[in-house]
Structure formats: structure tokens, C-alpha cells
Amino acid sequence: MTKDSEWITREGDIVLRKEIHALYGGGLLRGIRPSTTSPNVLLFTEERPAKEQGHSHEGWDISKPRVFYFTGEGKDGDQQMTGGNLAGLEHAANATTLRLFQAWNRGPQAGGQKHRYLGAFVVDTEAPFRHEIAVDKQGNERKVIVFTLIRQ
């Protein structure tokens, strides 16, 4: 495991999720993982966001190339500003850095899912998030949190 202040992964690096967590702490499940061993909040997105989980609002803003819209965590019912969502929102106050990873080459792979590191981000202070309507796996509408992230 690296020291708290070290971040050795470079933008564009492709690494296994289990390696990310071995280096920086966190866990293998959930899209937002506050680290218990480093000053980071690890964010995970899919190459093609999962619409059945309400992630249809996720991705790069084509008119603002440093802005990425990231859907909060919570697969069922309305998303709440608790747990990982709150850790993401309050990252600056907690002196943590948001680190965004995107799934790379989906499908079964020896050693687990690979992710590409997209970089360090902050939540936009002027418009940190918005609520959007999305549909879950059962076809039910629900409110999701969509964070506005700015690449550093």
C-alpha cells in the first residue's frame, strides 16, 4: 500500500480494480469508494453507463471538455445524499481527492475488471449536483444524483 500522500497511477493507465484497492484502499464493490487508507475517494464508471441502473445521464460534457457528469450510488429507489454520495460531495471539506476510473474492455477477464484512470477531479462548487429522473432495472422511475465533476 502506498503512503497517504502518494499517488502513483498516471492518467490513462489501465489497472485491475483489485490492484487499485491494494494500492489506495477501498473495496471491490460500489461505484463510490472512500478510501480508509489514503486521502482519496475512488469513483468508478462504465465504458457505456448502465442505463438500467439509472446512469443514462453520465459522461463527458461535449461543450466543456473538463466536465464529467457522474451518477451517484444507489441502485434501488431514489438516491440519497449519504454514504459514498456524501463523501463525494464533501471531498474538499474532508481534504480528499476524487479519482475517476472507467471500466475498460468489459466482460470476463482473468484477474478481474480492468479500469482506465481518467484523473483527479473536484465537484463543481457552483453547481455540485442535480437530480434527474432515471429508470431502474425493474422499469420504475426514480431520482438519481448527478454530480458535476471538473478535471484538475
N, C-alpha and C. Protein backbone atom coordinates (compact mmCIF):
# COMPACT_ATOMS: atom_id res chain seq x y z
N MET A 1 0.85 -1.18 0.00
CA MET A 1 0.00 0.00 0.00
C MET A 1 0.89 1.24 0.00
N THR A 2 0.50 2.28 -0.71
CA THR A 2 1.28 3.50 -0.79
C THR A 2 1.06 4.34 0.46
N LYS A 3 1.96 5.28 0.68
CA LYS A 3 1.77 6.24 1.77
C LYS A 3 0.59 7.13 1.43
N ASP A 4 -0.02 7.73 2.45
CA ASP A 4 -1.22 8.55 2.25
C ASP A 4 -1.06 9.59 1.16
N SER A 5 0.08 10.24 1.07
CA SER A 5 0.23 11.37 0.14
C SER A 5 0.66 10.94 -1.25
N GLU A 6 0.98 9.66 -1.47
CA GLU A 6 1.47 9.22 -2.77
C GLU A 6 0.34 8.77 -3.68
N TRP A 7 0.41 9.22 -4.92
CA TRP A 7 -0.50 8.71 -5.96
C TRP A 7 0.39 8.38 -7.13
N ILE A 8 0.51 7.11 -7.46
CA ILE A 8 1.47 6.70 -8.49
C ILE A 8 0.82 6.35 -9.83
N THR A 9 -0.50 6.23 -9.86
CA THR A 9 -1.19 5.89 -11.09
C THR A 9 -1.29 7.14 -11.97
N ARG A 10 -0.92 7.00 -13.24
CA ARG A 10 -0.95 8.13 -14.17
C ARG A 10 -2.22 8.10 -15.00
N GLU A 11 -2.68 9.28 -15.42
CA GLU A 11 -3.84 9.35 -16.31
C GLU A 11 -3.59 8.46 -17.52
N GLY A 12 -4.61 7.67 -17.86
CA GLY A 12 -4.50 6.76 -18.99
C GLY A 12 -4.04 5.36 -18.62
N ASP A 13 -3.45 5.19 -17.43
CA ASP A 13 -3.03 3.85 -17.00
C ASP A 13 -4.24 2.93 -16.91
N ILE A 14 -4.05 1.68 -17.30
CA ILE A 14 -5.09 0.67 -17.19
C ILE A 14 -4.66 -0.33 -16.13
N VAL A 15 -5.50 -0.47 -15.10
CA VAL A 15 -5.16 -1.32 -13.95
C VAL A 15 -6.38 -2.14 -13.54
N LEU A 16 -6.13 -3.26 -12.89
CA LEU A 16 -7.21 -4.07 -12.35
C LEU A 16 -7.78 -3.38 -11.11
N ARG A 17 -9.08 -3.49 -10.94
CA ARG A 17 -9.71 -2.84 -9.78
C ARG A 17 -9.12 -3.35 -8.47
N LYS A 18 -8.81 -4.63 -8.39
CA LYS A 18 -8.23 -5.15 -7.15
C LYS A 18 -6.85 -4.53 -6.89
N GLU A 19 -6.11 -4.19 -7.95
CA GLU A 19 -4.82 -3.52 -7.77
C GLU A 19 -5.00 -2.09 -7.27
N ILE A 20 -6.03 -1.43 -7.77
CA ILE A 20 -6.34 -0.06 -7.32
C ILE A 20 -6.57 -0.08 -5.81
N HIS A 21 -7.38 -1.03 -5.36
CA HIS A 21 -7.70 -1.09 -3.94
C HIS A 21 -6.54 -1.57 -3.09
N ALA A 22 -5.67 -2.39 -3.64
CA ALA A 22 -4.47 -2.81 -2.92
C ALA A 22 -3.54 -1.61 -2.70
N LEU A 23 -3.48 -0.73 -3.70
CA LEU A 23 -2.61 0.45 -3.59
C LEU A 23 -3.21 1.55 -2.72
N TYR A 24 -4.51 1.81 -2.87
CA TYR A 24 -5.09 3.03 -2.29
C TYR A 24 -6.21 2.77 -1.29
N GLY A 25 -6.56 1.52 -1.02
CA GLY A 25 -7.64 1.23 -0.10
C GLY A 25 -8.98 1.26 -0.81
N GLY A 26 -10.03 0.94 -0.10
CA GLY A 26 -11.36 0.92 -0.70
C GLY A 26 -11.90 -0.49 -0.75
N GLY A 27 -12.69 -0.80 -1.75
CA GLY A 27 -13.28 -2.13 -1.89
C GLY A 27 -13.59 -2.42 -3.34
N LEU A 28 -14.04 -3.64 -3.58
CA LEU A 28 -14.26 -4.08 -4.96
C LEU A 28 -15.67 -3.81 -5.47
N LEU A 29 -16.58 -3.44 -4.59
CA LEU A 29 -17.96 -3.19 -5.00
C LEU A 29 -18.29 -1.71 -4.83
N ARG A 30 -19.37 -1.30 -5.47
CA ARG A 30 -19.92 0.06 -5.42
C ARG A 30 -19.13 1.02 -6.30
N GLY A 31 -19.83 2.03 -6.77
CA GLY A 31 -19.25 3.00 -7.68
C GLY A 31 -18.51 4.13 -7.02
N ILE A 32 -18.72 4.32 -5.72
CA ILE A 32 -18.03 5.38 -4.97
C ILE A 32 -17.43 4.71 -3.73
N ARG A 33 -16.09 4.75 -3.63
CA ARG A 33 -15.42 4.09 -2.53
C ARG A 33 -14.47 5.05 -1.82
N PRO A 34 -14.91 5.65 -0.70
CA PRO A 34 -13.97 6.44 0.08
C PRO A 34 -12.87 5.50 0.60
N SER A 35 -11.63 5.90 0.47
CA SER A 35 -10.54 5.07 0.95
C SER A 35 -10.41 5.20 2.46
N THR A 36 -10.07 4.10 3.09
CA THR A 36 -9.79 4.12 4.53
C THR A 36 -8.30 4.22 4.80
N THR A 37 -7.48 4.21 3.74
CA THR A 37 -6.03 4.22 3.93
C THR A 37 -5.31 5.34 3.19
N SER A 38 -6.02 6.12 2.39
CA SER A 38 -5.40 7.22 1.66
C SER A 38 -6.43 8.35 1.53
N PRO A 39 -5.98 9.58 1.28
CA PRO A 39 -6.90 10.72 1.19
C PRO A 39 -7.57 10.82 -0.18
N ASN A 40 -8.29 9.76 -0.55
CA ASN A 40 -8.92 9.69 -1.87
C ASN A 40 -10.32 9.13 -1.76
N VAL A 41 -11.18 9.56 -2.70
CA VAL A 41 -12.47 8.93 -2.92
C VAL A 41 -12.41 8.38 -4.33
N LEU A 42 -12.54 7.07 -4.45
CA LEU A 42 -12.41 6.39 -5.74
C LEU A 42 -13.77 6.27 -6.40
N LEU A 43 -13.86 6.74 -7.64
CA LEU A 43 -15.11 6.73 -8.41
C LEU A 43 -14.95 5.79 -9.59
N PHE A 44 -15.97 4.97 -9.84
CA PHE A 44 -15.92 4.00 -10.93
C PHE A 44 -17.12 4.17 -11.83
N THR A 45 -16.85 4.28 -13.13
CA THR A 45 -17.90 4.40 -14.12
C THR A 45 -17.68 3.33 -15.18
N GLU A 46 -18.71 3.06 -15.94
CA GLU A 46 -18.63 2.06 -17.00
C GLU A 46 -18.21 2.74 -18.31
N GLU A 47 -17.71 1.93 -19.23
CA GLU A 47 -17.37 2.45 -20.56
C GLU A 47 -18.62 2.98 -21.24
N ARG A 48 -19.70 2.23 -21.08
CA ARG A 48 -21.02 2.66 -21.54
C ARG A 48 -21.91 2.61 -20.31
N PRO A 49 -22.25 3.76 -19.72
CA PRO A 49 -23.02 3.75 -18.47
C PRO A 49 -24.26 2.87 -18.52
N ALA A 50 -24.51 2.21 -17.43
CA ALA A 50 -25.61 1.24 -17.33
C ALA A 50 -26.94 1.96 -17.16
N LYS A 51 -27.68 2.08 -18.26
CA LYS A 51 -28.97 2.77 -18.22
C LYS A 51 -29.94 2.08 -17.29
N GLU A 52 -29.84 0.75 -17.17
CA GLU A 52 -30.77 0.04 -16.31
C GLU A 52 -30.51 0.32 -14.83
N GLN A 53 -29.41 0.96 -14.51
CA GLN A 53 -29.14 1.35 -13.13
C GLN A 53 -29.31 2.86 -12.95
N GLY A 54 -29.82 3.54 -13.97
CA GLY A 54 -30.08 4.97 -13.87
C GLY A 54 -28.89 5.83 -14.22
N HIS A 55 -27.93 5.30 -14.97
CA HIS A 55 -26.71 6.05 -15.27
C HIS A 55 -26.74 6.67 -16.66
N SER A 56 -27.92 6.90 -17.21
CA SER A 56 -28.02 7.43 -18.57
C SER A 56 -27.60 8.90 -18.66
N HIS A 57 -27.42 9.56 -17.52
CA HIS A 57 -27.02 10.98 -17.51
C HIS A 57 -25.51 11.13 -17.33
N GLU A 58 -24.78 10.04 -17.37
CA GLU A 58 -23.36 10.03 -17.05
C GLU A 58 -22.51 10.20 -18.30
N GLY A 59 -21.39 10.92 -18.16
CA GLY A 59 -20.43 11.04 -19.26
C GLY A 59 -19.86 12.44 -19.38
N TRP A 60 -19.03 12.62 -20.40
CA TRP A 60 -18.36 13.89 -20.64
C TRP A 60 -19.34 14.92 -21.21
N ASP A 61 -19.17 16.16 -20.84
CA ASP A 61 -19.93 17.28 -21.41
C ASP A 61 -19.22 17.68 -22.69
N ILE A 62 -19.88 17.51 -23.83
CA ILE A 62 -19.20 17.78 -25.10
C ILE A 62 -18.86 19.27 -25.29
N SER A 63 -19.53 20.16 -24.59
CA SER A 63 -19.23 21.59 -24.73
C SER A 63 -18.21 22.08 -23.69
N LYS A 64 -17.94 21.25 -22.68
CA LYS A 64 -16.97 21.60 -21.63
C LYS A 64 -16.07 20.38 -21.42
N PRO A 65 -14.94 20.32 -22.13
CA PRO A 65 -14.15 19.09 -22.15
C PRO A 65 -13.57 18.64 -20.81
N ARG A 66 -13.53 19.48 -19.80
CA ARG A 66 -13.01 19.08 -18.48
C ARG A 66 -14.12 18.61 -17.55
N VAL A 67 -15.37 18.65 -18.00
CA VAL A 67 -16.51 18.32 -17.13
C VAL A 67 -17.02 16.91 -17.43
N PHE A 68 -17.17 16.15 -16.35
CA PHE A 68 -17.72 14.79 -16.43
C PHE A 68 -18.91 14.72 -15.48
N TYR A 69 -20.04 14.23 -15.96
CA TYR A 69 -21.22 14.05 -15.12
C TYR A 69 -21.20 12.61 -14.59
N PHE A 70 -21.24 12.49 -13.28
CA PHE A 70 -21.10 11.19 -12.62
C PHE A 70 -22.34 10.92 -11.79
N THR A 71 -22.98 9.78 -12.05
CA THR A 71 -24.19 9.41 -11.33
C THR A 71 -23.83 8.82 -9.98
N GLY A 72 -24.54 9.26 -8.95
CA GLY A 72 -24.30 8.79 -7.59
C GLY A 72 -24.58 7.31 -7.43
N GLU A 73 -24.35 6.82 -6.19
CA GLU A 73 -24.56 5.40 -5.93
C GLU A 73 -25.93 5.16 -5.33
N GLY A 74 -26.38 3.93 -5.50
CA GLY A 74 -27.70 3.51 -5.04
C GLY A 74 -28.48 2.99 -6.23
N LYS A 75 -28.76 1.68 -6.23
CA LYS A 75 -29.38 1.05 -7.40
C LYS A 75 -30.90 1.01 -7.33
N ASP A 76 -31.46 1.09 -6.14
CA ASP A 76 -32.91 0.96 -5.98
C ASP A 76 -33.49 2.20 -5.31
N GLY A 77 -34.63 2.65 -5.78
CA GLY A 77 -35.29 3.81 -5.18
C GLY A 77 -34.51 5.09 -5.43
N ASP A 78 -35.01 6.18 -4.86
CA ASP A 78 -34.34 7.47 -5.01
C ASP A 78 -32.97 7.43 -4.34
N GLN A 79 -31.97 7.99 -5.01
CA GLN A 79 -30.65 8.09 -4.39
C GLN A 79 -30.68 9.15 -3.30
N GLN A 80 -29.91 8.91 -2.25
CA GLN A 80 -29.84 9.81 -1.10
C GLN A 80 -28.43 10.37 -0.98
N MET A 81 -28.31 11.54 -0.35
CA MET A 81 -27.00 12.15 -0.13
C MET A 81 -26.43 11.60 1.18
N THR A 82 -26.07 10.32 1.12
CA THR A 82 -25.48 9.62 2.26
C THR A 82 -24.33 8.76 1.74
N GLY A 83 -23.58 8.14 2.64
CA GLY A 83 -22.52 7.20 2.27
C GLY A 83 -21.55 7.77 1.26
N GLY A 84 -21.31 7.02 0.18
CA GLY A 84 -20.37 7.45 -0.85
C GLY A 84 -20.77 8.74 -1.53
N ASN A 85 -22.09 8.96 -1.71
CA ASN A 85 -22.54 10.21 -2.33
C ASN A 85 -22.12 11.41 -1.48
N LEU A 86 -22.30 11.31 -0.18
CA LEU A 86 -21.91 12.40 0.72
C LEU A 86 -20.39 12.57 0.74
N ALA A 87 -19.66 11.46 0.73
CA ALA A 87 -18.19 11.54 0.69
C ALA A 87 -17.72 12.26 -0.57
N GLY A 88 -18.38 11.99 -1.69
CA GLY A 88 -18.02 12.69 -2.92
C GLY A 88 -18.33 14.17 -2.85
N LEU A 89 -19.51 14.50 -2.36
CA LEU A 89 -19.91 15.91 -2.26
C LEU A 89 -18.99 16.69 -1.33
N GLU A 90 -18.62 16.08 -0.22
CA GLU A 90 -17.84 16.79 0.81
C GLU A 90 -16.34 16.52 0.71
N HIS A 91 -15.87 16.05 -0.44
CA HIS A 91 -14.45 15.68 -0.55
C HIS A 91 -13.51 16.83 -0.24
N ALA A 92 -13.82 18.04 -0.69
CA ALA A 92 -12.92 19.17 -0.46
C ALA A 92 -12.85 19.50 1.03
N ALA A 93 -13.98 19.52 1.70
CA ALA A 93 -14.00 19.79 3.14
C ALA A 93 -13.27 18.71 3.92
N ASN A 94 -13.24 17.49 3.39
CA ASN A 94 -12.57 16.37 4.06
C ASN A 94 -11.13 16.18 3.57
N ALA A 95 -10.66 17.11 2.74
CA ALA A 95 -9.28 17.07 2.21
C ALA A 95 -8.98 15.77 1.49
N THR A 96 -9.94 15.30 0.69
CA THR A 96 -9.72 14.11 -0.13
C THR A 96 -9.82 14.48 -1.60
N THR A 97 -9.23 13.67 -2.44
CA THR A 97 -9.23 13.88 -3.88
C THR A 97 -10.14 12.86 -4.53
N LEU A 98 -10.96 13.31 -5.48
CA LEU A 98 -11.79 12.39 -6.25
C LEU A 98 -10.94 11.82 -7.38
N ARG A 99 -10.92 10.49 -7.50
CA ARG A 99 -10.15 9.80 -8.53
C ARG A 99 -11.10 8.98 -9.37
N LEU A 100 -11.21 9.31 -10.67
CA LEU A 100 -12.19 8.68 -11.55
C LEU A 100 -11.56 7.61 -12.42
N PHE A 101 -12.18 6.42 -12.39
CA PHE A 101 -11.76 5.28 -13.20
C PHE A 101 -12.92 4.85 -14.08
N GLN A 102 -12.60 4.43 -15.30
CA GLN A 102 -13.63 3.96 -16.23
C GLN A 102 -13.33 2.52 -16.63
N ALA A 103 -14.37 1.66 -16.57
CA ALA A 103 -14.19 0.25 -16.95
C ALA A 103 -13.63 0.18 -18.35
N TRP A 104 -12.74 -0.79 -18.56
CA TRP A 104 -12.04 -0.95 -19.82
C TRP A 104 -12.23 -2.38 -20.29
N ASN A 105 -12.71 -2.57 -21.51
CA ASN A 105 -12.93 -3.91 -22.07
C ASN A 105 -13.80 -4.76 -21.16
N ARG A 106 -15.06 -4.44 -21.12
CA ARG A 106 -16.00 -5.20 -20.29
C ARG A 106 -16.01 -6.66 -20.66
N GLY A 107 -16.42 -7.46 -19.72
CA GLY A 107 -16.52 -8.89 -19.94
C GLY A 107 -15.57 -9.64 -19.03
N PRO A 108 -15.71 -10.95 -18.98
CA PRO A 108 -14.87 -11.75 -18.10
C PRO A 108 -13.40 -11.61 -18.46
N GLN A 109 -12.58 -11.39 -17.45
CA GLN A 109 -11.15 -11.24 -17.65
C GLN A 109 -10.42 -11.93 -16.50
N ALA A 110 -9.32 -12.57 -16.82
CA ALA A 110 -8.52 -13.17 -15.76
C ALA A 110 -8.02 -12.06 -14.84
N GLY A 111 -8.21 -12.23 -13.56
CA GLY A 111 -7.72 -11.24 -12.60
C GLY A 111 -8.70 -10.13 -12.29
N GLY A 112 -9.87 -10.11 -12.93
CA GLY A 112 -10.88 -9.10 -12.61
C GLY A 112 -10.99 -7.99 -13.64
N GLN A 113 -11.88 -7.05 -13.35
CA GLN A 113 -12.19 -5.95 -14.27
C GLN A 113 -11.05 -4.95 -14.35
N LYS A 114 -10.70 -4.56 -15.58
CA LYS A 114 -9.69 -3.53 -15.79
C LYS A 114 -10.36 -2.17 -15.85
N HIS A 115 -9.66 -1.14 -15.37
CA HIS A 115 -10.15 0.23 -15.40
C HIS A 115 -9.05 1.16 -15.90
N ARG A 116 -9.48 2.17 -16.64
CA ARG A 116 -8.55 3.22 -17.09
C ARG A 116 -8.71 4.41 -16.17
N TYR A 117 -7.58 4.94 -15.68
CA TYR A 117 -7.60 6.09 -14.78
C TYR A 117 -7.80 7.36 -15.60
N LEU A 118 -8.89 8.08 -15.33
CA LEU A 118 -9.21 9.31 -16.07
C LEU A 118 -8.65 10.56 -15.41
N GLY A 119 -8.26 10.48 -14.14
CA GLY A 119 -7.63 11.62 -13.49
C GLY A 119 -8.29 12.04 -12.19
N ALA A 120 -7.72 13.13 -11.65
CA ALA A 120 -8.23 13.74 -10.41
C ALA A 120 -9.29 14.77 -10.77
N PHE A 121 -10.35 14.81 -9.98
CA PHE A 121 -11.48 15.70 -10.23
C PHE A 121 -11.89 16.38 -8.93
N VAL A 122 -12.62 17.47 -9.07
CA VAL A 122 -13.29 18.12 -7.95
C VAL A 122 -14.76 18.30 -8.32
N VAL A 123 -15.60 18.38 -7.30
CA VAL A 123 -17.01 18.67 -7.53
C VAL A 123 -17.13 20.17 -7.80
N ASP A 124 -17.87 20.54 -8.81
CA ASP A 124 -18.10 21.95 -9.15
C ASP A 124 -18.72 22.66 -7.94
N THR A 125 -18.09 23.73 -7.49
CA THR A 125 -18.60 24.44 -6.31
C THR A 125 -19.85 25.25 -6.61
N GLU A 126 -20.04 25.67 -7.86
CA GLU A 126 -21.22 26.46 -8.22
C GLU A 126 -22.45 25.61 -8.46
N ALA A 127 -22.27 24.45 -9.05
CA ALA A 127 -23.39 23.54 -9.34
C ALA A 127 -22.90 22.12 -9.06
N PRO A 128 -22.80 21.74 -7.78
CA PRO A 128 -22.18 20.46 -7.43
C PRO A 128 -22.94 19.23 -7.93
N PHE A 129 -24.26 19.30 -7.98
CA PHE A 129 -25.04 18.15 -8.45
C PHE A 129 -26.43 18.62 -8.85
N ARG A 130 -27.12 17.73 -9.53
CA ARG A 130 -28.52 17.95 -9.88
C ARG A 130 -29.24 16.61 -9.72
N HIS A 131 -30.54 16.67 -9.62
CA HIS A 131 -31.33 15.45 -9.60
C HIS A 131 -31.92 15.23 -10.99
N GLU A 132 -31.93 13.98 -11.42
CA GLU A 132 -32.50 13.59 -12.69
C GLU A 132 -33.41 12.39 -12.46
N ILE A 133 -34.34 12.21 -13.36
CA ILE A 133 -35.20 11.03 -13.32
C ILE A 133 -34.54 9.94 -14.16
N ALA A 134 -34.50 8.74 -13.61
CA ALA A 134 -33.92 7.60 -14.31
C ALA A 134 -34.80 6.39 -14.05
N VAL A 135 -34.59 5.36 -14.83
CA VAL A 135 -35.36 4.13 -14.69
C VAL A 135 -34.45 3.04 -14.16
N ASP A 136 -34.93 2.28 -13.17
CA ASP A 136 -34.13 1.19 -12.61
C ASP A 136 -34.34 -0.11 -13.38
N LYS A 137 -33.75 -1.20 -12.90
CA LYS A 137 -33.82 -2.50 -13.60
C LYS A 137 -35.25 -3.02 -13.73
N GLN A 138 -36.11 -2.65 -12.80
CA GLN A 138 -37.49 -3.10 -12.84
C GLN A 138 -38.38 -2.19 -13.68
N GLY A 139 -37.83 -1.13 -14.25
CA GLY A 139 -38.60 -0.21 -15.06
C GLY A 139 -39.28 0.90 -14.27
N ASN A 140 -38.93 1.03 -12.98
CA ASN A 140 -39.51 2.06 -12.13
C ASN A 140 -38.71 3.35 -12.22
N GLU A 141 -39.42 4.48 -12.27
CA GLU A 141 -38.73 5.77 -12.25
C GLU A 141 -38.24 6.08 -10.85
N ARG A 142 -37.10 6.76 -10.79
CA ARG A 142 -36.53 7.17 -9.51
C ARG A 142 -35.66 8.39 -9.72
N LYS A 143 -35.33 9.08 -8.63
CA LYS A 143 -34.45 10.24 -8.70
C LYS A 143 -33.02 9.79 -8.45
N VAL A 144 -32.12 10.22 -9.34
CA VAL A 144 -30.70 9.95 -9.14
C VAL A 144 -29.96 11.27 -8.98
N ILE A 145 -28.82 11.19 -8.32
CA ILE A 145 -27.93 12.34 -8.13
C ILE A 145 -26.90 12.31 -9.24
N VAL A 146 -26.74 13.43 -9.94
CA VAL A 146 -25.73 13.52 -10.99
C VAL A 146 -24.76 14.63 -10.59
N PHE A 147 -23.54 14.23 -10.23
CA PHE A 147 -22.50 15.18 -9.81
C PHE A 147 -21.86 15.82 -11.03
N THR A 148 -21.50 17.09 -10.89
CA THR A 148 -20.72 17.79 -11.91
C THR A 148 -19.28 17.77 -11.44
N LEU A 149 -18.44 17.00 -12.13
CA LEU A 149 -17.03 16.88 -11.77
C LEU A 149 -16.18 17.67 -12.76
N ILE A 150 -15.14 18.32 -12.24
CA ILE A 150 -14.23 19.09 -13.10
C ILE A 150 -12.84 18.48 -12.96
N ARG A 151 -12.26 18.12 -14.12
CA ARG A 151 -10.92 17.53 -14.12
C ARG A 151 -9.89 18.58 -13.67
N GLN A 152 -8.98 18.15 -12.85
CA GLN A 152 -7.91 19.04 -12.36
C GLN A 152 -6.70 19.01 -13.26
